[in-house]
Amino acid sequence: IYTHSIPWALHTKEEAKKKKNRYNKNLIGVIIDQLLRDMN
């Protein structure tokens, strides 16, 4: 599983890939992605 696909799933790929949203800690998909990478 590609962790970046989690924000795509929760916020749509179009929204998640916008530059302003890639590190947006207000998006739960981005938070999940980051914490998964933290443990890996």
PDB file of all heavy atoms in Angstrom:
ATOM      1  N   ILE A   1       0.839  -1.209   0.000  1.00  0.00           N
ATOM      2  CA  ILE A   1       0.000   0.000   0.000  1.00  0.00           C
ATOM      3  C   ILE A   1       0.869   1.253   0.000  1.00  0.00           C
ATOM      4  O   ILE A   1       1.780   1.403   0.806  1.00  0.00           O
ATOM      5  CB  ILE A   1      -0.960  -0.001   1.208  1.00  0.00           C
ATOM      6  CG1 ILE A   1      -2.096  -1.004   0.979  1.00  0.00           C
ATOM      7  CG2 ILE A   1      -1.542   1.392   1.452  1.00  0.00           C
ATOM      8  CD1 ILE A   1      -3.065  -1.141   2.139  1.00  0.00           C
ATOM      9  N   TYR A   2       0.583   2.132  -0.918  1.00  0.00           N
ATOM     10  CA  TYR A   2       1.291   3.409  -1.066  1.00  0.00           C
ATOM     11  C   TYR A   2       0.644   4.405  -0.107  1.00  0.00           C
ATOM     12  O   TYR A   2      -0.539   4.728  -0.235  1.00  0.00           O
ATOM     13  CB  TYR A   2       1.164   3.857  -2.517  1.00  0.00           C
ATOM     14  CG  TYR A   2       1.868   5.132  -2.900  1.00  0.00           C
ATOM     15  CD1 TYR A   2       3.205   5.360  -2.570  1.00  0.00           C
ATOM     16  CD2 TYR A   2       1.195   6.113  -3.636  1.00  0.00           C
ATOM     17  CE1 TYR A   2       3.847   6.526  -2.947  1.00  0.00           C
ATOM     18  CE2 TYR A   2       1.837   7.274  -4.030  1.00  0.00           C
ATOM     19  CZ  TYR A   2       3.157   7.478  -3.672  1.00  0.00           C
ATOM     20  OH  TYR A   2       3.801   8.642  -4.057  1.00  0.00           O
ATOM     21  N   THR A   3       1.391   4.869   0.879  1.00  0.00           N
ATOM     22  CA  THR A   3       0.781   5.682   1.938  1.00  0.00           C
ATOM     23  C   THR A   3       0.182   6.982   1.410  1.00  0.00           C
ATOM     24  O   THR A   3      -0.787   7.489   1.977  1.00  0.00           O
ATOM     25  CB  THR A   3       1.784   5.986   3.062  1.00  0.00           C
ATOM     26  OG1 THR A   3       2.879   6.761   2.540  1.00  0.00           O
ATOM     27  CG2 THR A   3       2.327   4.704   3.678  1.00  0.00           C
ATOM     28  N   HIS A   4       0.740   7.532   0.334  1.00  0.00           N
ATOM     29  CA  HIS A   4       0.171   8.764  -0.243  1.00  0.00           C
ATOM     30  C   HIS A   4      -1.227   8.530  -0.815  1.00  0.00           C
ATOM     31  O   HIS A   4      -1.975   9.498  -1.042  1.00  0.00           O
ATOM     32  CB  HIS A   4       1.074   9.307  -1.346  1.00  0.00           C
ATOM     33  CG  HIS A   4       2.362   9.905  -0.842  1.00  0.00           C
ATOM     34  ND1 HIS A   4       2.552  10.294   0.458  1.00  0.00           N
ATOM     35  CD2 HIS A   4       3.526  10.196  -1.487  1.00  0.00           C
ATOM     36  CE1 HIS A   4       3.769  10.782   0.607  1.00  0.00           C
ATOM     37  NE2 HIS A   4       4.379  10.729  -0.554  1.00  0.00           N
ATOM     38  N   SER A   5      -1.582   7.263  -1.064  1.00  0.00           N
ATOM     39  CA  SER A   5      -2.912   6.984  -1.615  1.00  0.00           C
ATOM     40  C   SER A   5      -4.002   7.125  -0.558  1.00  0.00           C
ATOM     41  O   SER A   5      -5.188   7.187  -0.891  1.00  0.00           O
ATOM     42  CB  SER A   5      -2.957   5.577  -2.226  1.00  0.00           C
ATOM     43  OG  SER A   5      -2.810   4.576  -1.230  1.00  0.00           O
ATOM     44  N   ILE A   6      -3.616   7.198   0.713  1.00  0.00           N
ATOM     45  CA  ILE A   6      -4.615   7.363   1.778  1.00  0.00           C
ATOM     46  C   ILE A   6      -5.267   8.738   1.720  1.00  0.00           C
ATOM     47  O   ILE A   6      -6.503   8.842   1.731  1.00  0.00           O
ATOM     48  CB  ILE A   6      -3.990   7.066   3.153  1.00  0.00           C
ATOM     49  CG1 ILE A   6      -3.564   5.592   3.211  1.00  0.00           C
ATOM     50  CG2 ILE A   6      -4.967   7.383   4.290  1.00  0.00           C
ATOM     51  CD1 ILE A   6      -2.632   5.254   4.332  1.00  0.00           C
ATOM     52  N   PRO A   7      -4.489   9.846   1.613  1.00  0.00           N
ATOM     53  CA  PRO A   7      -5.155  11.141   1.401  1.00  0.00           C
ATOM     54  C   PRO A   7      -5.922  11.212   0.088  1.00  0.00           C
ATOM     55  O   PRO A   7      -6.956  11.883   0.008  1.00  0.00           O
ATOM     56  CB  PRO A   7      -4.011  12.166   1.455  1.00  0.00           C
ATOM     57  CG  PRO A   7      -2.741  11.400   1.421  1.00  0.00           C
ATOM     58  CD  PRO A   7      -3.050  10.016   1.889  1.00  0.00           C
ATOM     59  N   TRP A   8      -5.467  10.505  -0.952  1.00  0.00           N
ATOM     60  CA  TRP A   8      -6.242  10.455  -2.195  1.00  0.00           C
ATOM     61  C   TRP A   8      -7.619   9.855  -1.908  1.00  0.00           C
ATOM     62  O   TRP A   8      -8.628  10.365  -2.402  1.00  0.00           O
ATOM     63  CB  TRP A   8      -5.557   9.593  -3.250  1.00  0.00           C
ATOM     64  CG  TRP A   8      -4.180  10.010  -3.655  1.00  0.00           C
ATOM     65  CD1 TRP A   8      -3.502  11.136  -3.279  1.00  0.00           C
ATOM     66  CD2 TRP A   8      -3.303   9.289  -4.521  1.00  0.00           C
ATOM     67  NE1 TRP A   8      -2.253  11.163  -3.849  1.00  0.00           N
ATOM     68  CE2 TRP A   8      -2.107  10.044  -4.615  1.00  0.00           C
ATOM     69  CE3 TRP A   8      -3.392   8.095  -5.219  1.00  0.00           C
ATOM     70  CZ2 TRP A   8      -1.019   9.627  -5.386  1.00  0.00           C
ATOM     71  CZ3 TRP A   8      -2.314   7.669  -5.994  1.00  0.00           C
ATOM     72  CH2 TRP A   8      -1.146   8.439  -6.074  1.00  0.00           C
ATOM     73  N   ALA A   9      -7.634   8.774  -1.131  1.00  0.00           N
ATOM     74  CA  ALA A   9      -8.890   8.080  -0.843  1.00  0.00           C
ATOM     75  C   ALA A   9      -9.839   8.944  -0.025  1.00  0.00           C
ATOM     76  O   ALA A   9     -11.041   8.994  -0.298  1.00  0.00           O
ATOM     77  CB  ALA A   9      -8.595   6.778  -0.096  1.00  0.00           C
ATOM     78  N   LEU A  10      -9.304   9.649   0.971  1.00  0.00           N
ATOM     79  CA  LEU A  10     -10.159  10.395   1.893  1.00  0.00           C
ATOM     80  C   LEU A  10     -10.536  11.786   1.395  1.00  0.00           C
ATOM     81  O   LEU A  10     -11.574  12.322   1.792  1.00  0.00           O
ATOM     82  CB  LEU A  10      -9.477  10.505   3.259  1.00  0.00           C
ATOM     83  CG  LEU A  10      -9.293   9.189   4.025  1.00  0.00           C
ATOM     84  CD1 LEU A  10      -8.602   9.449   5.363  1.00  0.00           C
ATOM     85  CD2 LEU A  10     -10.634   8.482   4.247  1.00  0.00           C
ATOM     86  N   HIS A  11      -9.706  12.381   0.526  1.00  0.00           N
ATOM     87  CA  HIS A  11      -9.951  13.772   0.123  1.00  0.00           C
ATOM     88  C   HIS A  11     -10.030  13.948  -1.396  1.00  0.00           C
ATOM     89  O   HIS A  11     -10.148  15.095  -1.853  1.00  0.00           O
ATOM     90  CB  HIS A  11      -8.838  14.675   0.677  1.00  0.00           C
ATOM     91  CG  HIS A  11      -8.580  14.492   2.134  1.00  0.00           C
ATOM     92  ND1 HIS A  11      -9.475  14.891   3.109  1.00  0.00           N
ATOM     93  CD2 HIS A  11      -7.546  13.926   2.803  1.00  0.00           C
ATOM     94  CE1 HIS A  11      -8.989  14.599   4.306  1.00  0.00           C
ATOM     95  NE2 HIS A  11      -7.823  14.002   4.154  1.00  0.00           N
ATOM     96  N   THR A  12      -9.985  12.867  -2.136  1.00  0.00           N
ATOM     97  CA  THR A  12      -9.882  12.788  -3.599  1.00  0.00           C
ATOM     98  C   THR A  12      -8.447  13.100  -4.022  1.00  0.00           C
ATOM     99  O   THR A  12      -7.763  13.919  -3.400  1.00  0.00           O
ATOM    100  CB  THR A  12     -10.853  13.710  -4.366  1.00  0.00           C
ATOM    101  OG1 THR A  12     -10.395  15.076  -4.296  1.00  0.00           O
ATOM    102  CG2 THR A  12     -12.273  13.585  -3.837  1.00  0.00           C
ATOM    103  N   LYS A  13      -8.023  12.445  -5.070  1.00  0.00           N
ATOM    104  CA  LYS A  13      -6.643  12.594  -5.543  1.00  0.00           C
ATOM    105  C   LYS A  13      -6.375  14.034  -5.989  1.00  0.00           C
ATOM    106  O   LYS A  13      -5.290  14.586  -5.741  1.00  0.00           O
ATOM    107  CB  LYS A  13      -6.379  11.615  -6.691  1.00  0.00           C
ATOM    108  CG  LYS A  13      -4.932  11.558  -7.144  1.00  0.00           C
ATOM    109  CD  LYS A  13      -4.735  10.447  -8.180  1.00  0.00           C
ATOM    110  CE  LYS A  13      -3.286  10.331  -8.595  1.00  0.00           C
ATOM    111  NZ  LYS A  13      -3.085   9.243  -9.589  1.00  0.00           N
ATOM    112  N   GLU A  14      -7.366  14.630  -6.623  1.00  0.00           N
ATOM    113  CA  GLU A  14      -7.207  15.999  -7.122  1.00  0.00           C
ATOM    114  C   GLU A  14      -6.915  16.974  -5.985  1.00  0.00           C
ATOM    115  O   GLU A  14      -5.998  17.805  -6.073  1.00  0.00           O
ATOM    116  CB  GLU A  14      -8.476  16.420  -7.871  1.00  0.00           C
ATOM    117  CG  GLU A  14      -8.389  17.820  -8.481  1.00  0.00           C
ATOM    118  CD  GLU A  14      -9.678  18.228  -9.168  1.00  0.00           C
ATOM    119  OE1 GLU A  14     -10.722  17.579  -8.938  1.00  0.00           O
ATOM    120  OE2 GLU A  14      -9.638  19.218  -9.936  1.00  0.00           O
ATOM    121  N   GLU A  15      -7.672  16.869  -4.897  1.00  0.00           N
ATOM    122  CA  GLU A  15      -7.469  17.767  -3.756  1.00  0.00           C
ATOM    123  C   GLU A  15      -6.168  17.464  -3.014  1.00  0.00           C
ATOM    124  O   GLU A  15      -5.418  18.370  -2.645  1.00  0.00           O
ATOM    125  CB  GLU A  15      -8.651  17.655  -2.781  1.00  0.00           C
ATOM    126  CG  GLU A  15      -9.893  18.386  -3.223  1.00  0.00           C
ATOM    127  CD  GLU A  15      -9.671  19.892  -3.352  1.00  0.00           C
ATOM    128  OE1 GLU A  15      -9.111  20.503  -2.416  1.00  0.00           O
ATOM    129  OE2 GLU A  15     -10.058  20.453  -4.397  1.00  0.00           O
ATOM    130  N   ALA A  16      -5.903  16.185  -2.811  1.00  0.00           N
ATOM    131  CA  ALA A  16      -4.726  15.791  -2.031  1.00  0.00           C
ATOM    132  C   ALA A  16      -3.422  16.171  -2.712  1.00  0.00           C
ATOM    133  O   ALA A  16      -2.422  16.462  -2.049  1.00  0.00           O
ATOM    134  CB  ALA A  16      -4.763  14.285  -1.771  1.00  0.00           C
ATOM    135  N   LYS A  17      -3.418  16.203  -4.046  1.00  0.00           N
ATOM    136  CA  LYS A  17      -2.178  16.494  -4.764  1.00  0.00           C
ATOM    137  C   LYS A  17      -1.949  17.985  -4.993  1.00  0.00           C
ATOM    138  O   LYS A  17      -0.901  18.367  -5.526  1.00  0.00           O
ATOM    139  CB  LYS A  17      -2.168  15.739  -6.109  1.00  0.00           C
ATOM    140  CG  LYS A  17      -1.943  14.236  -5.940  1.00  0.00           C
ATOM    141  CD  LYS A  17      -1.836  13.521  -7.272  1.00  0.00           C
ATOM    142  CE  LYS A  17      -0.503  13.783  -7.961  1.00  0.00           C
ATOM    143  NZ  LYS A  17       0.629  13.171  -7.241  1.00  0.00           N
ATOM    144  N   LYS A  18      -2.907  18.803  -4.602  1.00  0.00           N
ATOM    145  CA  LYS A  18      -2.675  20.243  -4.691  1.00  0.00           C
ATOM    146  C   LYS A  18      -1.510  20.626  -3.789  1.00  0.00           C
ATOM    147  O   LYS A  18      -1.383  20.111  -2.680  1.00  0.00           O
ATOM    148  CB  LYS A  18      -3.938  21.019  -4.281  1.00  0.00           C
ATOM    149  CG  LYS A  18      -5.055  20.957  -5.308  1.00  0.00           C
ATOM    150  CD  LYS A  18      -6.263  21.748  -4.840  1.00  0.00           C
ATOM    151  CE  LYS A  18      -7.376  21.727  -5.888  1.00  0.00           C
ATOM    152  NZ  LYS A  18      -8.575  22.460  -5.427  1.00  0.00           N
ATOM    153  N   LYS A  19      -0.676  21.525  -4.270  1.00  0.00           N
ATOM    154  CA  LYS A  19       0.544  21.877  -3.535  1.00  0.00           C
ATOM    155  C   LYS A  19       0.241  22.325  -2.105  1.00  0.00           C
ATOM    156  O   LYS A  19       0.935  21.969  -1.156  1.00  0.00           O
ATOM    157  CB  LYS A  19       1.289  22.979  -4.287  1.00  0.00           C
ATOM    158  CG  LYS A  19       2.693  23.231  -3.775  1.00  0.00           C
ATOM    159  CD  LYS A  19       3.441  24.194  -4.676  1.00  0.00           C
ATOM    160  CE  LYS A  19       4.856  24.392  -4.172  1.00  0.00           C
ATOM    161  NZ  LYS A  19       5.624  25.321  -5.056  1.00  0.00           N
ATOM    162  N   LYS A  20      -0.842  23.076  -1.928  1.00  0.00           N
ATOM    163  CA  LYS A  20      -1.179  23.605  -0.608  1.00  0.00           C
ATOM    164  C   LYS A  20      -1.637  22.514   0.360  1.00  0.00           C
ATOM    165  O   LYS A  20      -1.642  22.713   1.575  1.00  0.00           O
ATOM    166  CB  LYS A  20      -2.270  24.667  -0.734  1.00  0.00           C
ATOM    167  CG  LYS A  20      -3.615  24.117  -1.213  1.00  0.00           C
ATOM    168  CD  LYS A  20      -4.679  25.205  -1.233  1.00  0.00           C
ATOM    169  CE  LYS A  20      -6.029  24.633  -1.657  1.00  0.00           C
ATOM    170  NZ  LYS A  20      -7.096  25.651  -1.638  1.00  0.00           N
ATOM    171  N   ASN A  21      -2.024  21.357  -0.188  1.00  0.00           N
ATOM    172  CA  ASN A  21      -2.566  20.288   0.662  1.00  0.00           C
ATOM    173  C   ASN A  21      -1.591  19.148   0.950  1.00  0.00           C
ATOM    174  O   ASN A  21      -1.872  18.286   1.790  1.00  0.00           O
ATOM    175  CB  ASN A  21      -3.830  19.696   0.016  1.00  0.00           C
ATOM    176  CG  ASN A  21      -5.014  20.629   0.125  1.00  0.00           C
ATOM    177  OD1 ASN A  21      -5.099  21.435   1.052  1.00  0.00           O
ATOM    178  ND2 ASN A  21      -5.929  20.537  -0.831  1.00  0.00           N
ATOM    179  N   ARG A  22      -0.444  19.136   0.268  1.00  0.00           N
ATOM    180  CA  ARG A  22       0.463  17.994   0.407  1.00  0.00           C
ATOM    181  C   ARG A  22       0.989  17.821   1.828  1.00  0.00           C
ATOM    182  O   ARG A  22       1.261  16.705   2.269  1.00  0.00           O
ATOM    183  CB  ARG A  22       1.635  18.143  -0.574  1.00  0.00           C
ATOM    184  CG  ARG A  22       1.212  17.970  -2.029  1.00  0.00           C
ATOM    185  CD  ARG A  22       2.351  18.240  -2.981  1.00  0.00           C
ATOM    186  NE  ARG A  22       1.880  18.292  -4.362  1.00  0.00           N
ATOM    187  CZ  ARG A  22       2.627  18.648  -5.395  1.00  0.00           C
ATOM    188  NH1 ARG A  22       3.904  18.975  -5.202  1.00  0.00           N
ATOM    189  NH2 ARG A  22       2.125  18.676  -6.608  1.00  0.00           N
ATOM    190  N   TYR A  23       1.134  18.921   2.540  1.00  0.00           N
ATOM    191  CA  TYR A  23       1.620  18.850   3.927  1.00  0.00           C
ATOM    192  C   TYR A  23       0.631  19.532   4.877  1.00  0.00           C
ATOM    193  O   TYR A  23       1.002  19.986   5.950  1.00  0.00           O
ATOM    194  CB  TYR A  23       3.002  19.510   4.035  1.00  0.00           C
ATOM    195  CG  TYR A  23       4.018  18.915   3.091  1.00  0.00           C
ATOM    196  CD1 TYR A  23       4.326  19.534   1.881  1.00  0.00           C
ATOM    197  CD2 TYR A  23       4.652  17.712   3.405  1.00  0.00           C
ATOM    198  CE1 TYR A  23       5.246  18.961   1.014  1.00  0.00           C
ATOM    199  CE2 TYR A  23       5.570  17.147   2.548  1.00  0.00           C
ATOM    200  CZ  TYR A  23       5.860  17.779   1.350  1.00  0.00           C
ATOM    201  OH  TYR A  23       6.774  17.219   0.489  1.00  0.00           O
ATOM    202  N   ASN A  24      -0.638  19.545   4.472  1.00  0.00           N
ATOM    203  CA  ASN A  24      -1.669  20.218   5.247  1.00  0.00           C
ATOM    204  C   ASN A  24      -2.100  19.357   6.429  1.00  0.00           C
ATOM    205  O   ASN A  24      -2.829  18.371   6.276  1.00  0.00           O
ATOM    206  CB  ASN A  24      -2.867  20.532   4.350  1.00  0.00           C
ATOM    207  CG  ASN A  24      -3.926  21.349   5.052  1.00  0.00           C
ATOM    208  OD1 ASN A  24      -3.884  21.565   6.269  1.00  0.00           O
ATOM    209  ND2 ASN A  24      -4.900  21.829   4.286  1.00  0.00           N
ATOM    210  N   LYS A  25      -1.663  19.713   7.628  1.00  0.00           N
ATOM    211  CA  LYS A  25      -1.960  18.918   8.816  1.00  0.00           C
ATOM    212  C   LYS A  25      -3.413  19.058   9.283  1.00  0.00           C
ATOM    213  O   LYS A  25      -3.798  18.460  10.293  1.00  0.00           O
ATOM    214  CB  LYS A  25      -1.012  19.319   9.950  1.00  0.00           C
ATOM    215  CG  LYS A  25       0.437  18.927   9.706  1.00  0.00           C
ATOM    216  CD  LYS A  25       0.581  17.408   9.597  1.00  0.00           C
ATOM    217  CE  LYS A  25       2.032  16.990   9.381  1.00  0.00           C
ATOM    218  NZ  LYS A  25       2.872  17.227  10.541  1.00  0.00           N
ATOM    219  N   ASN A  26      -4.194  19.815   8.535  1.00  0.00           N
ATOM    220  CA  ASN A  26      -5.626  19.883   8.835  1.00  0.00           C
ATOM    221  C   ASN A  26      -6.399  18.769   8.125  1.00  0.00           C
ATOM    222  O   ASN A  26      -7.595  18.600   8.355  1.00  0.00           O
ATOM    223  CB  ASN A  26      -6.202  21.243   8.416  1.00  0.00           C
ATOM    224  CG  ASN A  26      -5.679  22.365   9.297  1.00  0.00           C
ATOM    225  OD1 ASN A  26      -5.607  22.211  10.509  1.00  0.00           O
ATOM    226  ND2 ASN A  26      -5.299  23.481   8.686  1.00  0.00           N
ATOM    227  N   LEU A  27      -5.702  18.040   7.230  1.00  0.00           N
ATOM    228  CA  LEU A  27      -6.329  16.946   6.501  1.00  0.00           C
ATOM    229  C   LEU A  27      -5.972  15.623   7.167  1.00  0.00           C
ATOM    230  O   LEU A  27      -4.789  15.285   7.294  1.00  0.00           O
ATOM    231  CB  LEU A  27      -5.872  16.936   5.037  1.00  0.00           C
ATOM    232  CG  LEU A  27      -6.207  18.171   4.200  1.00  0.00           C
ATOM    233  CD1 LEU A  27      -5.685  18.002   2.775  1.00  0.00           C
ATOM    234  CD2 LEU A  27      -7.713  18.423   4.187  1.00  0.00           C
ATOM    235  N   ILE A  28      -6.964  14.853   7.591  1.00  0.00           N
ATOM    236  CA  ILE A  28      -6.704  13.609   8.308  1.00  0.00           C
ATOM    237  C   ILE A  28      -5.927  12.617   7.449  1.00  0.00           C
ATOM    238  O   ILE A  28      -5.089  11.851   7.956  1.00  0.00           O
ATOM    239  CB  ILE A  28      -8.027  12.989   8.834  1.00  0.00           C
ATOM    240  CG1 ILE A  28      -7.730  11.714   9.631  1.00  0.00           C
ATOM    241  CG2 ILE A  28      -8.998  12.726   7.705  1.00  0.00           C
ATOM    242  CD1 ILE A  28      -6.793  11.885  10.806  1.00  0.00           C
ATOM    243  N   GLY A  29      -6.161  12.625   6.140  1.00  0.00           N
ATOM    244  CA  GLY A  29      -5.411  11.726   5.258  1.00  0.00           C
ATOM    245  C   GLY A  29      -3.921  12.022   5.278  1.00  0.00           C
ATOM    246  O   GLY A  29      -3.089  11.105   5.267  1.00  0.00           O
ATOM    247  N   VAL A  30      -3.576  13.292   5.326  1.00  0.00           N
ATOM    248  CA  VAL A  30      -2.168  13.704   5.390  1.00  0.00           C
ATOM    249  C   VAL A  30      -1.564  13.296   6.738  1.00  0.00           C
ATOM    250  O   VAL A  30      -0.409  12.832   6.805  1.00  0.00           O
ATOM    251  CB  VAL A  30      -2.042  15.227   5.174  1.00  0.00           C
ATOM    252  CG1 VAL A  30      -0.601  15.691   5.391  1.00  0.00           C
ATOM    253  CG2 VAL A  30      -2.512  15.607   3.772  1.00  0.00           C
ATOM    254  N   ILE A  31      -2.318  13.448   7.800  1.00  0.00           N
ATOM    255  CA  ILE A  31      -1.840  13.057   9.131  1.00  0.00           C
ATOM    256  C   ILE A  31      -1.566  11.558   9.182  1.00  0.00           C
ATOM    257  O   ILE A  31      -0.515  11.115   9.674  1.00  0.00           O
ATOM    258  CB  ILE A  31      -2.871  13.440  10.214  1.00  0.00           C
ATOM    259  CG1 ILE A  31      -3.020  14.966  10.292  1.00  0.00           C
ATOM    260  CG2 ILE A  31      -2.471  12.881  11.570  1.00  0.00           C
ATOM    261  CD1 ILE A  31      -4.175  15.418  11.171  1.00  0.00           C
ATOM    262  N   ILE A  32      -2.496  10.753   8.663  1.00  0.00           N
ATOM    263  CA  ILE A  32      -2.314   9.300   8.649  1.00  0.00           C
ATOM    264  C   ILE A  32      -1.080   8.934   7.839  1.00  0.00           C
ATOM    265  O   ILE A  32      -0.237   8.129   8.273  1.00  0.00           O
ATOM    266  CB  ILE A  32      -3.564   8.598   8.082  1.00  0.00           C
ATOM    267  CG1 ILE A  32      -4.771   8.820   8.990  1.00  0.00           C
ATOM    268  CG2 ILE A  32      -3.306   7.105   7.900  1.00  0.00           C
ATOM    269  CD1 ILE A  32      -6.090   8.339   8.390  1.00  0.00           C
ATOM    270  N   ASP A  33      -0.946   9.531   6.660  1.00  0.00           N
ATOM    271  CA  ASP A  33       0.197   9.290   5.781  1.00  0.00           C
ATOM    272  C   ASP A  33       1.502   9.571   6.523  1.00  0.00           C
ATOM    273  O   ASP A  33       2.437   8.760   6.516  1.00  0.00           O
ATOM    274  CB  ASP A  33       0.053  10.179   4.543  1.00  0.00           C
ATOM    275  CG  ASP A  33       1.197  10.020   3.537  1.00  0.00           C
ATOM    276  OD1 ASP A  33       2.001   9.079   3.692  1.00  0.00           O
ATOM    277  OD2 ASP A  33       1.279  10.846   2.616  1.00  0.00           O
ATOM    278  N   GLN A  34       1.583  10.714   7.198  1.00  0.00           N
ATOM    279  CA  GLN A  34       2.810  11.103   7.893  1.00  0.00           C
ATOM    280  C   GLN A  34       3.133  10.150   9.048  1.00  0.00           C
ATOM    281  O   GLN A  34       4.277   9.729   9.215  1.00  0.00           O
ATOM    282  CB  GLN A  34       2.691  12.528   8.426  1.00  0.00           C
ATOM    283  CG  GLN A  34       3.943  13.035   9.148  1.00  0.00           C
ATOM    284  CD  GLN A  34       5.166  13.040   8.251  1.00  0.00           C
ATOM    285  OE1 GLN A  34       5.173  13.710   7.221  1.00  0.00           O
ATOM    286  NE2 GLN A  34       6.193  12.278   8.628  1.00  0.00           N
ATOM    287  N   LEU A  35       2.129   9.791   9.831  1.00  0.00           N
ATOM    288  CA  LEU A  35       2.382   8.909  10.971  1.00  0.00           C
ATOM    289  C   LEU A  35       2.772   7.505  10.524  1.00  0.00           C
ATOM    290  O   LEU A  35       3.571   6.832  11.185  1.00  0.00           O
ATOM    291  CB  LEU A  35       1.160   8.867  11.887  1.00  0.00           C
ATOM    292  CG  LEU A  35       0.928  10.142  12.710  1.00  0.00           C
ATOM    293  CD1 LEU A  35      -0.411  10.098  13.430  1.00  0.00           C
ATOM    294  CD2 LEU A  35       2.059  10.354  13.723  1.00  0.00           C
ATOM    295  N   LEU A  36       2.226   7.060   9.401  1.00  0.00           N
ATOM    296  CA  LEU A  36       2.638   5.765   8.855  1.00  0.00           C
ATOM    297  C   LEU A  36       4.094   5.804   8.404  1.00  0.00           C
ATOM    298  O   LEU A  36       4.850   4.842   8.605  1.00  0.00           O
ATOM    299  CB  LEU A  36       1.736   5.366   7.678  1.00  0.00           C
ATOM    300  CG  LEU A  36       0.311   4.944   8.039  1.00  0.00           C
ATOM    301  CD1 LEU A  36      -0.531   4.782   6.784  1.00  0.00           C
ATOM    302  CD2 LEU A  36       0.308   3.644   8.836  1.00  0.00           C
ATOM    303  N   ARG A  37       4.504   6.915   7.813  1.00  0.00           N
ATOM    304  CA  ARG A  37       5.910   7.046   7.399  1.00  0.00           C
ATOM    305  C   ARG A  37       6.826   7.203   8.606  1.00  0.00           C
ATOM    306  O   ARG A  37       7.964   6.746   8.596  1.00  0.00           O
ATOM    307  CB  ARG A  37       6.056   8.217   6.426  1.00  0.00           C
ATOM    308  CG  ARG A  37       5.511   7.894   5.036  1.00  0.00           C
ATOM    309  CD  ARG A  37       5.708   9.010   4.050  1.00  0.00           C
ATOM    310  NE  ARG A  37       4.762  10.091   4.238  1.00  0.00           N
ATOM    311  CZ  ARG A  37       5.079  11.370   4.328  1.00  0.00           C
ATOM    312  NH1 ARG A  37       6.350  11.747   4.271  1.00  0.00           N
ATOM    313  NH2 ARG A  37       4.145  12.283   4.477  1.00  0.00           N
ATOM    314  N   ASP A  38       6.308   7.826   9.661  1.00  0.00           N
ATOM    315  CA  ASP A  38       7.108   7.967  10.886  1.00  0.00           C
ATOM    316  C   ASP A  38       7.482   6.605  11.470  1.00  0.00           C
ATOM    317  O   ASP A  38       8.572   6.430  12.007  1.00  0.00           O
ATOM    318  CB  ASP A  38       6.331   8.761  11.942  1.00  0.00           C
ATOM    319  CG  ASP A  38       6.353  10.267  11.680  1.00  0.00           C
ATOM    320  OD1 ASP A  38       7.140  10.709  10.825  1.00  0.00           O
ATOM    321  OD2 ASP A  38       5.576  10.993  12.333  1.00  0.00           O
ATOM    322  N   MET A  39       6.572   5.659  11.377  1.00  0.00           N
ATOM    323  CA  MET A  39       6.849   4.342  11.968  1.00  0.00           C
ATOM    324  C   MET A  39       7.616   3.430  11.019  1.00  0.00           C
ATOM    325  O   MET A  39       7.981   2.313  11.374  1.00  0.00           O
ATOM    326  CB  MET A  39       5.529   3.674  12.387  1.00  0.00           C
ATOM    327  CG  MET A  39       4.603   3.308  11.240  1.00  0.00           C
ATOM    328  SD  MET A  39       3.095   2.407  11.774  1.00  0.00           S
ATOM    329  CE  MET A  39       2.173   3.665  12.619  1.00  0.00           C
ATOM    330  N   ASN A  40       7.889   3.921   9.796  1.00  0.00           N
ATOM    331  CA  ASN A  40       8.497   3.067   8.770  1.00  0.00           C
ATOM    332  C   ASN A  40       9.727   3.710   8.149  1.00  0.00           C
ATOM    333  O   ASN A  40       9.982   3.536   6.957  1.00  0.00           O
ATOM    334  CB  ASN A  40       7.450   2.738   7.692  1.00  0.00           C
ATOM    335  CG  ASN A  40       7.832   1.541   6.847  1.00  0.00           C
ATOM    336  OD1 ASN A  40       8.573   0.666   7.271  1.00  0.00           O
ATOM    337  ND2 ASN A  40       7.327   1.515   5.627  1.00  0.00           N
TER     338      ASN A  40
END
